[in-house]
């Protein structure tokens, strides 16, 4: 072990969540960050809503998304300019992470690279963390180790209801120009003739969708994504991505790109970030499902890392680090419950709807203000706007059709959402379509509401 020392907090994970939190906590506490590879390096790339970019983050942004596109093999073709913000800035991952690394070191805290978490024990309020470089001790363990956290596994935290975005792509240069694409374009959903082998096959079972962001006059970030209950392997994704950019007729603009850097990752979705803690252990980033249900993980981190750190600082100051105390403080800025539920349903819909139904959903934005699309996926929607969106959805989809799309385990989510906006008679009608729950069980859960605190 490089230095025998007892720390106030040990952070497992040197990615954006661990480093941003560490940069704040290290101002007042002695912090250790352990990273299994090299802290400050990442295989991911992000753009974020403009309102999460403060003066500290602004120098590490550039350009941004200004136009949203969607195009499917069945004919849906959507294009609209960003309205919620002037732009959705790109984050320069190659400068912001090293910036946080430097802050931590300048504050005389430590970062240990090539150091992998193996296990930990807690005795008399002291956390002993066993790693490949020895044992470190501290008062608090912060798990920011990512989607495949060994600490989450150790505590057997249930992730069976999670959906997973599996992403693979590349930063590439276009030597022959952009082929009609514009700087600031974001293709958020493109499918191909055989994306779904049959018209009723869902994204859960079919091929992935294609996305791209145009970063400047000759550079793009293109990617494929899967939304499934299972994570896809890196090798499988790389093979599929190379086929998409080199062989698909509808991606000819990417046929000649020179790949500069591969990007890939996995992140959980399907529910709002869970507030999770154990005695002397708290979870952040992907380990804590720090993501809005339809993505925006980096946006969630930037919006909450200072707030989270303030709360943890108070707990450290009073040594209130037992599970009950850690759960009693808010870990992130609260969102309205209706947003949480609606976005959870949206994630499950995107995964399970057929190609034909997804086309119907995309075309729905010809009938409502496209700003509702932005607000849906950034958790910025008001109740009035949500009602407007729900009315449009129910005009587009037959209620029974929706029930066939959404998995049975999600029925209670639908009923919980309906309770906010629909008359009792409509809730009863929805219930009659669900034969998997007894009515008194459903009503009991509705009366009590969901418990989003673990």
Foldseek 3Di string as FASTA:
>chain_A
DPDADAWAEEEEAQALLRLLLLLQLLLPTAYEYEYQADRLDALAWDWFAPVLQDPVQVVQWDAAAFKEWEAEPVGQTDIDTADVDNGGIIGNSNPPRVVSVVSNVVSVHYYHYSKAWDDWDADPQKIWTQIPVGIYIHNAYEYQHAQPDPVCVVVVPDPQQKKKKWKKWFKWWQPVWQVPDDQNYKHPWYYAPVQPVDQFFFLQPGHWTKIKHRHDGTIIIIMTIGIYSDYDDPVVRVVVHCCCQCPGPVNPSRNPIDGDGMHIDMAIALFAFFFDDAQRYGYDQRRRRQAQRQGNRVNSSSQQSNVQSVLVSVCSVVVVRHRVSSLVDDNGDDADPLLRLLSSLVSLLNGQGGNVVVSLVSCLCVVPPCNVVVCSRNRNDDPVVVVVVVVSVCVSDPLLRSVVRHDLVCLLSVLLSCVVPHDPVVSVVSVVSRPPDDPVVSVVCSVVDDDSYD
